[in-house]
Protein backbone atom coordinates (compact mmCIF):
# COMPACT_ATOMS: atom_id res chain seq x y z
CA UNK A 1 196.35 -105.74 135.73
CA UNK A 2 193.11 -107.62 136.90
CA UNK A 3 190.49 -107.58 133.72
CA UNK A 4 187.49 -106.18 134.33
CA UNK A 5 184.18 -104.84 132.33
CA UNK A 6 181.51 -102.36 133.02
CA UNK A 7 178.56 -104.17 134.59
CA UNK A 8 175.67 -101.05 135.26
CA UNK A 9 175.18 -97.47 136.64
CA UNK A 10 173.10 -97.07 139.90
CA UNK A 11 170.44 -94.48 140.59
CA UNK A 12 168.41 -93.66 143.59
CA UNK A 13 164.54 -92.83 142.52
CA UNK A 14 161.69 -91.69 144.80
CA UNK A 15 159.45 -94.19 142.69
CA UNK A 16 160.44 -97.55 141.49
CA UNK A 17 157.90 -98.28 139.19
CA UNK A 18 157.47 -94.77 137.45
CA UNK A 19 161.28 -95.03 136.98
CA UNK A 20 161.03 -98.44 135.54
CA UNK A 21 158.13 -96.80 133.19
CA UNK A 22 160.74 -93.84 132.41
CA UNK A 23 163.56 -96.11 131.54
CA UNK A 24 161.51 -98.19 129.36
CA UNK A 25 159.27 -95.42 127.56
CA UNK A 26 162.25 -93.05 126.95
CA UNK A 27 164.95 -94.84 126.37
CA UNK A 28 163.95 -98.30 125.42
CA UNK A 29 165.36 -100.76 128.68
CA UNK A 30 163.52 -103.30 129.78
CA UNK A 31 163.14 -104.43 133.19
CA UNK A 32 165.38 -107.45 133.96
CA UNK A 33 164.46 -108.09 137.71
CA UNK A 34 163.26 -106.83 140.75
CA UNK A 35 164.54 -107.23 144.12
CA UNK A 36 164.51 -106.11 147.79
CA UNK A 37 167.96 -105.02 149.63
CA UNK A 38 167.06 -105.70 153.22
CA UNK A 39 170.70 -104.14 154.24
CA UNK A 40 169.73 -100.92 152.41
CA UNK A 41 166.08 -101.20 153.02
CA UNK A 42 165.84 -100.60 148.99
CA UNK A 43 163.16 -101.76 146.94
CA UNK A 44 165.55 -102.49 143.51
CA UNK A 45 165.34 -103.36 139.91
CA UNK A 46 168.04 -103.81 137.32
CA UNK A 47 166.87 -102.85 133.73
CA UNK A 48 168.91 -103.67 130.73
CA UNK A 49 169.33 -102.43 127.22
CA UNK A 50 171.59 -104.75 125.01
CA UNK A 51 174.68 -105.22 127.53
CA UNK A 52 173.92 -101.71 128.96
CA UNK A 53 172.15 -101.84 132.91
CA UNK A 54 171.05 -99.24 135.36
CA UNK A 55 170.16 -100.36 138.84
CA UNK A 56 167.47 -98.57 140.18
CA UNK A 57 166.85 -97.90 143.90
CA UNK A 58 163.65 -96.92 145.65
CA UNK A 59 165.14 -96.50 149.19
CA UNK A 60 163.15 -96.26 152.33
CA UNK A 61 163.20 -92.55 153.79
CA UNK A 62 165.77 -91.41 151.31
CA UNK A 63 166.24 -87.94 151.08
CA UNK A 64 165.44 -86.22 147.53
CA UNK A 65 168.00 -85.20 145.05
CA UNK A 66 169.95 -81.83 146.09
CA UNK A 67 169.05 -78.88 143.46
CA UNK A 68 172.74 -78.39 142.55
CA UNK A 69 172.81 -81.97 141.42
CA UNK A 70 170.30 -81.31 138.81
CA UNK A 71 172.38 -79.05 136.62
CA UNK A 72 175.72 -80.21 134.95
CA UNK A 73 177.94 -77.37 135.37
CA UNK A 74 176.90 -77.14 139.35
CA UNK A 75 176.91 -80.90 140.09
CA UNK A 76 180.94 -81.00 139.11
CA UNK A 77 181.62 -78.60 141.52
CA UNK A 78 180.66 -81.29 144.11
CA UNK A 79 182.96 -84.41 144.63
CA UNK A 80 181.56 -87.69 143.93
CA UNK A 81 179.96 -89.76 141.02
CA UNK A 82 178.23 -87.36 138.42
CA UNK A 83 176.72 -89.40 135.85
CA UNK A 84 176.37 -92.19 133.37
CA UNK A 85 177.05 -91.61 129.50
CA UNK A 86 176.52 -93.24 126.39
CA UNK A 87 177.42 -92.64 122.86
CA UNK A 88 174.73 -91.85 120.17
CA UNK A 89 175.62 -91.56 116.30
CA UNK A 90 173.43 -88.21 116.05
CA UNK A 91 173.13 -85.90 118.59
CA UNK A 92 170.48 -83.84 116.98
CA UNK A 93 168.53 -86.76 115.87
CA UNK A 94 168.92 -87.79 119.54
CA UNK A 95 167.64 -84.61 120.84
CA UNK A 96 164.87 -84.59 118.42
CA UNK A 97 163.68 -88.06 119.70
CA UNK A 98 163.80 -86.85 123.35
CA UNK A 99 161.85 -83.71 122.83
CA UNK A 100 159.50 -85.97 120.99
CA UNK A 101 159.44 -88.31 124.12
CA UNK A 102 159.09 -85.15 126.44
CA UNK A 103 162.46 -85.85 128.19
CA UNK A 104 163.71 -83.15 130.36
CA UNK A 105 166.58 -81.87 128.41
CA UNK A 106 168.75 -80.22 130.93
CA UNK A 107 172.08 -79.16 128.88
CA UNK A 108 173.56 -79.26 125.62
CA UNK A 109 177.09 -78.94 124.43
CA UNK A 110 178.25 -78.11 121.30
CA UNK A 111 182.11 -77.14 121.43
CA UNK A 112 185.34 -77.65 119.58
CA UNK A 113 186.20 -80.69 121.46
CA UNK A 114 182.77 -82.06 120.74
CA UNK A 115 179.13 -82.40 121.59
CA UNK A 116 176.65 -84.15 123.30
CA UNK A 117 173.56 -83.20 126.14
CA UNK A 118 172.39 -84.38 129.70
CA UNK A 119 168.85 -85.40 130.30
CA UNK A 120 167.16 -85.78 133.41
CA UNK A 121 165.38 -88.56 134.58
CA UNK A 122 162.10 -88.97 136.05
CA UNK A 123 163.69 -88.10 139.32
CA UNK A 124 166.19 -85.42 138.26
CA UNK A 125 169.17 -87.85 137.60
CA UNK A 126 171.70 -86.73 134.93
CA UNK A 127 172.32 -89.15 132.06
CA UNK A 128 174.59 -87.81 129.58
CA UNK A 129 174.74 -88.57 125.70
CA UNK A 130 178.04 -87.98 123.49
CA UNK A 131 177.86 -88.07 119.66
CA UNK A 132 181.59 -89.65 118.97
CA UNK A 133 183.19 -87.63 116.07
CA UNK A 134 184.56 -89.34 113.16
CA UNK A 135 187.98 -90.56 113.68
């Protein structure tokens, strides 16, 4: 089996500068590099937090995010990539911090199988955070 590791998730946004600011201010990512992808007509940035990366695309003429893609229970009813997910040590503390930073909390799950939440970035893209239960 070929060896591989996770490198990054990608999101498309209408305003690259606003997204770079949001990912820094709300989630602590810093700008790693900016570049232009000619074939996609995309002004692009890679932001990083430790080993985690997001590639952010501002594509000329891109369509806005459909409303159904903004709500997790509706989003899963459409085939395709859904979201990136990250682990947090304490969901309640994370939610309090996100509320304090004015993040758009889309959905909170507290079920017997686990708990987590989805937030929306400044363009409405969903990002999941899960609290890993004790082993």
